[in-house]
Amino acid sequence: MEQYKGVGRDIGVSTRWIADQNLRRFGVDVMDETIVKEVNERGVVVERDGNITLIPADIVVLAVGPLPADEFSKELQVKGFELHVIGDAKSPRKITEAIREGFDVALSL
């Protein structure tokens, strides 16, 4: 999910093309212009085109901008969620580092 129109706007065209192809190859649904309203034990509640929808999920990966998003992870941890903080939530960087960290976490699960 991406809040704004378009995905991967801060990476080069050829890199974005390859990432997009891999997302499609692995069946990842990408939704832009979608706002995450809540993460709960059933999944992610999103708002798109004025409609609120629950997207069922067992695992949620957050990539929420160029500043660490530590407050949200702490709130989830207090509620008993198992967390692996990666990407910009850990330290602001590029998407490639977040993808690698997500990959490494997924392998460890």
N, C-alpha and C. Protein backbone atom coordinates (compact mmCIF):
# COMPACT_ATOMS: atom_id res chain seq x y z
N MET A 1 0.83 -1.17 0.00
CA MET A 1 0.00 0.00 0.00
C MET A 1 0.87 1.24 0.00
N GLU A 2 0.49 2.17 -0.80
CA GLU A 2 1.19 3.45 -0.90
C GLU A 2 0.15 4.54 -0.76
N GLN A 3 0.42 5.51 0.09
CA GLN A 3 -0.54 6.58 0.32
C GLN A 3 -0.70 7.47 -0.90
N TYR A 4 0.36 7.66 -1.66
CA TYR A 4 0.32 8.59 -2.79
C TYR A 4 0.22 7.85 -4.11
N LYS A 5 -0.01 8.60 -5.18
CA LYS A 5 -0.12 8.00 -6.51
C LYS A 5 1.26 7.53 -6.98
N GLY A 6 1.33 6.30 -7.43
CA GLY A 6 2.59 5.73 -7.90
C GLY A 6 3.37 5.08 -6.78
N VAL A 7 4.18 4.11 -7.14
CA VAL A 7 4.98 3.36 -6.16
C VAL A 7 6.44 3.42 -6.59
N GLY A 8 7.35 3.57 -5.64
CA GLY A 8 8.78 3.57 -5.94
C GLY A 8 9.25 4.80 -6.68
N ARG A 9 8.66 5.93 -6.37
CA ARG A 9 9.00 7.16 -7.09
C ARG A 9 10.43 7.64 -6.82
N ASP A 10 11.04 7.18 -5.74
CA ASP A 10 12.38 7.66 -5.39
C ASP A 10 13.50 6.74 -5.85
N ILE A 11 13.18 5.77 -6.71
CA ILE A 11 14.23 4.90 -7.24
C ILE A 11 14.29 5.06 -8.75
N GLY A 12 15.40 4.67 -9.32
CA GLY A 12 15.60 4.80 -10.77
C GLY A 12 14.61 3.98 -11.58
N VAL A 13 14.40 4.39 -12.81
CA VAL A 13 13.41 3.75 -13.68
C VAL A 13 13.73 2.27 -13.90
N SER A 14 14.98 1.95 -14.21
CA SER A 14 15.31 0.54 -14.48
C SER A 14 15.20 -0.31 -13.22
N THR A 15 15.61 0.23 -12.09
CA THR A 15 15.48 -0.50 -10.83
C THR A 15 14.02 -0.69 -10.47
N ARG A 16 13.22 0.36 -10.67
CA ARG A 16 11.78 0.27 -10.38
C ARG A 16 11.12 -0.77 -11.29
N TRP A 17 11.52 -0.81 -12.55
CA TRP A 17 10.95 -1.77 -13.50
C TRP A 17 11.23 -3.20 -13.03
N ILE A 18 12.46 -3.47 -12.61
CA ILE A 18 12.81 -4.81 -12.14
C ILE A 18 12.03 -5.15 -10.87
N ALA A 19 11.96 -4.20 -9.93
CA ALA A 19 11.21 -4.45 -8.69
C ALA A 19 9.74 -4.71 -9.01
N ASP A 20 9.17 -3.93 -9.93
CA ASP A 20 7.77 -4.13 -10.32
C ASP A 20 7.56 -5.51 -10.94
N GLN A 21 8.47 -5.93 -11.79
CA GLN A 21 8.36 -7.25 -12.40
C GLN A 21 8.43 -8.36 -11.35
N ASN A 22 9.31 -8.22 -10.38
CA ASN A 22 9.42 -9.23 -9.32
C ASN A 22 8.16 -9.26 -8.45
N LEU A 23 7.61 -8.09 -8.14
CA LEU A 23 6.36 -8.06 -7.37
C LEU A 23 5.25 -8.78 -8.12
N ARG A 24 5.14 -8.53 -9.40
CA ARG A 24 4.11 -9.22 -10.21
C ARG A 24 4.37 -10.72 -10.28
N ARG A 25 5.64 -11.09 -10.47
CA ARG A 25 5.99 -12.51 -10.59
C ARG A 25 5.62 -13.27 -9.33
N PHE A 26 5.76 -12.64 -8.16
CA PHE A 26 5.45 -13.29 -6.90
C PHE A 26 4.02 -13.05 -6.45
N GLY A 27 3.20 -12.41 -7.29
CA GLY A 27 1.78 -12.24 -6.99
C GLY A 27 1.48 -11.21 -5.92
N VAL A 28 2.34 -10.21 -5.77
CA VAL A 28 2.13 -9.17 -4.77
C VAL A 28 1.17 -8.12 -5.33
N ASP A 29 0.08 -7.87 -4.61
CA ASP A 29 -0.86 -6.82 -5.00
C ASP A 29 -0.35 -5.49 -4.47
N VAL A 30 -0.20 -4.52 -5.35
CA VAL A 30 0.27 -3.19 -4.96
C VAL A 30 -0.90 -2.23 -5.10
N MET A 31 -1.17 -1.47 -4.04
CA MET A 31 -2.28 -0.52 -4.05
C MET A 31 -1.73 0.87 -3.74
N ASP A 32 -1.85 1.79 -4.70
CA ASP A 32 -1.46 3.17 -4.40
C ASP A 32 -2.70 3.97 -4.04
N GLU A 33 -2.48 5.20 -3.61
CA GLU A 33 -3.57 6.07 -3.15
C GLU A 33 -4.44 5.35 -2.11
N THR A 34 -3.76 4.67 -1.19
CA THR A 34 -4.41 3.88 -0.15
C THR A 34 -3.82 4.27 1.21
N ILE A 35 -4.67 4.57 2.17
CA ILE A 35 -4.22 5.00 3.49
C ILE A 35 -4.43 3.86 4.48
N VAL A 36 -3.37 3.49 5.20
CA VAL A 36 -3.48 2.49 6.26
C VAL A 36 -4.07 3.17 7.49
N LYS A 37 -5.21 2.68 7.93
CA LYS A 37 -5.90 3.26 9.08
C LYS A 37 -5.56 2.54 10.38
N GLU A 38 -5.36 1.23 10.28
CA GLU A 38 -5.16 0.43 11.50
C GLU A 38 -4.55 -0.91 11.13
N VAL A 39 -3.72 -1.42 12.03
CA VAL A 39 -3.22 -2.80 11.95
C VAL A 39 -3.74 -3.50 13.19
N ASN A 40 -4.45 -4.61 13.00
CA ASN A 40 -4.97 -5.35 14.14
C ASN A 40 -4.70 -6.83 13.97
N GLU A 41 -5.22 -7.64 14.87
CA GLU A 41 -4.93 -9.08 14.84
C GLU A 41 -5.50 -9.79 13.61
N ARG A 42 -6.42 -9.15 12.91
CA ARG A 42 -7.00 -9.76 11.70
C ARG A 42 -6.34 -9.30 10.42
N GLY A 43 -5.62 -8.18 10.47
CA GLY A 43 -4.98 -7.69 9.26
C GLY A 43 -4.83 -6.18 9.26
N VAL A 44 -4.98 -5.58 8.08
CA VAL A 44 -4.77 -4.14 7.90
C VAL A 44 -6.07 -3.51 7.42
N VAL A 45 -6.49 -2.46 8.12
CA VAL A 45 -7.67 -1.69 7.71
C VAL A 45 -7.16 -0.52 6.87
N VAL A 46 -7.68 -0.42 5.63
CA VAL A 46 -7.24 0.63 4.73
C VAL A 46 -8.42 1.45 4.23
N GLU A 47 -8.08 2.66 3.79
CA GLU A 47 -9.08 3.52 3.15
C GLU A 47 -8.60 3.83 1.75
N ARG A 48 -9.49 3.56 0.78
CA ARG A 48 -9.18 3.82 -0.63
C ARG A 48 -10.45 4.30 -1.30
N ASP A 49 -10.36 5.42 -1.98
CA ASP A 49 -11.52 6.00 -2.66
C ASP A 49 -12.71 6.18 -1.71
N GLY A 50 -12.42 6.51 -0.45
CA GLY A 50 -13.48 6.73 0.54
C GLY A 50 -14.06 5.46 1.14
N ASN A 51 -13.59 4.31 0.71
CA ASN A 51 -14.09 3.02 1.23
C ASN A 51 -13.10 2.45 2.24
N ILE A 52 -13.63 1.95 3.36
CA ILE A 52 -12.81 1.30 4.39
C ILE A 52 -12.89 -0.21 4.16
N THR A 53 -11.71 -0.86 4.12
CA THR A 53 -11.64 -2.29 3.85
C THR A 53 -10.63 -2.95 4.78
N LEU A 54 -10.95 -4.16 5.22
CA LEU A 54 -10.00 -4.97 5.98
C LEU A 54 -9.30 -5.90 5.00
N ILE A 55 -7.98 -5.87 5.01
CA ILE A 55 -7.19 -6.80 4.20
C ILE A 55 -6.59 -7.80 5.17
N PRO A 56 -7.06 -9.05 5.13
CA PRO A 56 -6.55 -10.06 6.07
C PRO A 56 -5.04 -10.26 5.90
N ALA A 57 -4.32 -10.39 7.03
CA ALA A 57 -2.88 -10.58 6.98
C ALA A 57 -2.38 -11.25 8.25
N ASP A 58 -1.42 -12.15 8.08
CA ASP A 58 -0.73 -12.76 9.21
C ASP A 58 0.54 -11.97 9.54
N ILE A 59 1.15 -11.39 8.49
CA ILE A 59 2.38 -10.62 8.64
C ILE A 59 2.18 -9.29 7.95
N VAL A 60 2.60 -8.20 8.60
CA VAL A 60 2.48 -6.86 8.04
C VAL A 60 3.86 -6.21 8.06
N VAL A 61 4.28 -5.68 6.92
CA VAL A 61 5.54 -4.97 6.81
C VAL A 61 5.21 -3.50 6.62
N LEU A 62 5.75 -2.65 7.49
CA LEU A 62 5.50 -1.21 7.40
C LEU A 62 6.71 -0.51 6.82
N ALA A 63 6.48 0.33 5.82
CA ALA A 63 7.51 1.22 5.26
C ALA A 63 6.86 2.59 5.26
N VAL A 64 7.18 3.42 6.25
CA VAL A 64 6.38 4.62 6.49
C VAL A 64 7.16 5.93 6.43
N GLY A 65 7.95 6.13 5.42
CA GLY A 65 8.56 7.42 5.22
C GLY A 65 10.01 7.53 5.66
N PRO A 66 10.57 8.74 5.53
CA PRO A 66 12.00 8.93 5.73
C PRO A 66 12.44 9.10 7.18
N LEU A 67 11.54 9.08 8.12
CA LEU A 67 11.91 9.20 9.52
C LEU A 67 11.57 7.91 10.25
N PRO A 68 12.37 7.54 11.24
CA PRO A 68 12.03 6.32 11.99
C PRO A 68 10.61 6.40 12.56
N ALA A 69 9.90 5.29 12.50
CA ALA A 69 8.52 5.22 12.99
C ALA A 69 8.47 4.36 14.23
N ASP A 70 9.32 4.65 15.17
CA ASP A 70 9.47 3.82 16.36
C ASP A 70 8.25 3.83 17.27
N GLU A 71 7.51 4.95 17.33
CA GLU A 71 6.36 5.03 18.22
C GLU A 71 5.31 3.97 17.88
N PHE A 72 5.04 3.81 16.59
CA PHE A 72 4.02 2.84 16.17
C PHE A 72 4.45 1.42 16.51
N SER A 73 5.72 1.10 16.29
CA SER A 73 6.18 -0.25 16.60
C SER A 73 6.09 -0.51 18.10
N LYS A 74 6.37 0.50 18.91
CA LYS A 74 6.27 0.33 20.36
C LYS A 74 4.82 0.10 20.79
N GLU A 75 3.88 0.80 20.14
CA GLU A 75 2.46 0.59 20.45
C GLU A 75 2.05 -0.84 20.13
N LEU A 76 2.50 -1.35 18.98
CA LEU A 76 2.16 -2.72 18.60
C LEU A 76 2.80 -3.73 19.54
N GLN A 77 4.04 -3.45 19.94
CA GLN A 77 4.73 -4.36 20.85
C GLN A 77 4.01 -4.46 22.19
N VAL A 78 3.51 -3.33 22.70
CA VAL A 78 2.76 -3.31 23.95
C VAL A 78 1.51 -4.17 23.83
N LYS A 79 0.92 -4.22 22.63
CA LYS A 79 -0.29 -5.01 22.41
C LYS A 79 0.03 -6.49 22.20
N GLY A 80 1.30 -6.86 22.24
CA GLY A 80 1.68 -8.26 22.16
C GLY A 80 2.06 -8.76 20.79
N PHE A 81 2.18 -7.87 19.80
CA PHE A 81 2.58 -8.30 18.46
C PHE A 81 4.08 -8.58 18.44
N GLU A 82 4.48 -9.63 17.72
CA GLU A 82 5.90 -9.89 17.50
C GLU A 82 6.36 -8.95 16.40
N LEU A 83 7.44 -8.22 16.64
CA LEU A 83 7.89 -7.22 15.68
C LEU A 83 9.33 -7.45 15.24
N HIS A 84 9.59 -7.09 14.00
CA HIS A 84 10.94 -7.04 13.46
C HIS A 84 11.04 -5.67 12.79
N VAL A 85 11.71 -4.74 13.40
CA VAL A 85 11.80 -3.38 12.88
C VAL A 85 12.89 -3.34 11.82
N ILE A 86 12.51 -2.91 10.60
CA ILE A 86 13.44 -2.86 9.47
C ILE A 86 13.21 -1.56 8.71
N GLY A 87 14.01 -1.34 7.69
CA GLY A 87 13.82 -0.21 6.79
C GLY A 87 13.91 1.11 7.51
N ASP A 88 13.11 2.07 7.06
CA ASP A 88 13.14 3.42 7.62
C ASP A 88 12.68 3.47 9.07
N ALA A 89 11.93 2.48 9.52
CA ALA A 89 11.55 2.45 10.93
C ALA A 89 12.79 2.24 11.80
N LYS A 90 13.78 1.60 11.22
CA LYS A 90 15.03 1.35 11.92
C LYS A 90 16.01 2.52 11.71
N SER A 91 16.16 2.93 10.46
CA SER A 91 17.05 4.03 10.10
C SER A 91 16.74 4.44 8.66
N PRO A 92 16.50 5.73 8.38
CA PRO A 92 16.15 6.16 7.02
C PRO A 92 17.20 5.78 5.98
N ARG A 93 16.73 5.08 4.94
CA ARG A 93 17.59 4.64 3.84
C ARG A 93 16.77 4.45 2.60
N LYS A 94 17.31 3.78 1.63
CA LYS A 94 16.61 3.51 0.38
C LYS A 94 15.80 2.22 0.49
N ILE A 95 14.89 2.04 -0.47
CA ILE A 95 14.00 0.88 -0.47
C ILE A 95 14.76 -0.43 -0.61
N THR A 96 15.90 -0.41 -1.30
CA THR A 96 16.64 -1.66 -1.50
C THR A 96 17.11 -2.25 -0.17
N GLU A 97 17.52 -1.39 0.76
CA GLU A 97 17.93 -1.88 2.07
C GLU A 97 16.74 -2.46 2.84
N ALA A 98 15.60 -1.79 2.74
CA ALA A 98 14.40 -2.29 3.42
C ALA A 98 13.97 -3.63 2.84
N ILE A 99 14.06 -3.77 1.53
CA ILE A 99 13.70 -5.04 0.88
C ILE A 99 14.62 -6.15 1.37
N ARG A 100 15.91 -5.86 1.44
CA ARG A 100 16.87 -6.87 1.90
C ARG A 100 16.60 -7.27 3.34
N GLU A 101 16.35 -6.26 4.21
CA GLU A 101 16.06 -6.56 5.60
C GLU A 101 14.76 -7.36 5.73
N GLY A 102 13.75 -7.01 4.94
CA GLY A 102 12.50 -7.77 4.94
C GLY A 102 12.73 -9.21 4.51
N PHE A 103 13.56 -9.39 3.48
CA PHE A 103 13.91 -10.72 2.99
C PHE A 103 14.59 -11.54 4.08
N ASP A 104 15.57 -10.90 4.75
CA ASP A 104 16.29 -11.60 5.82
C ASP A 104 15.36 -11.99 6.97
N VAL A 105 14.44 -11.08 7.34
CA VAL A 105 13.49 -11.40 8.41
C VAL A 105 12.57 -12.54 7.97
N ALA A 106 12.08 -12.48 6.73
CA ALA A 106 11.20 -13.54 6.24
C ALA A 106 11.90 -14.90 6.29
N LEU A 107 13.16 -14.94 5.93
CA LEU A 107 13.90 -16.20 5.99
C LEU A 107 14.03 -16.72 7.43
N SER A 108 14.08 -15.81 8.38
CA SER A 108 14.27 -16.23 9.78
C SER A 108 12.97 -16.70 10.44
N LEU A 109 11.83 -16.44 9.81
CA LEU A 109 10.54 -16.82 10.43
C LEU A 109 10.23 -18.29 10.27
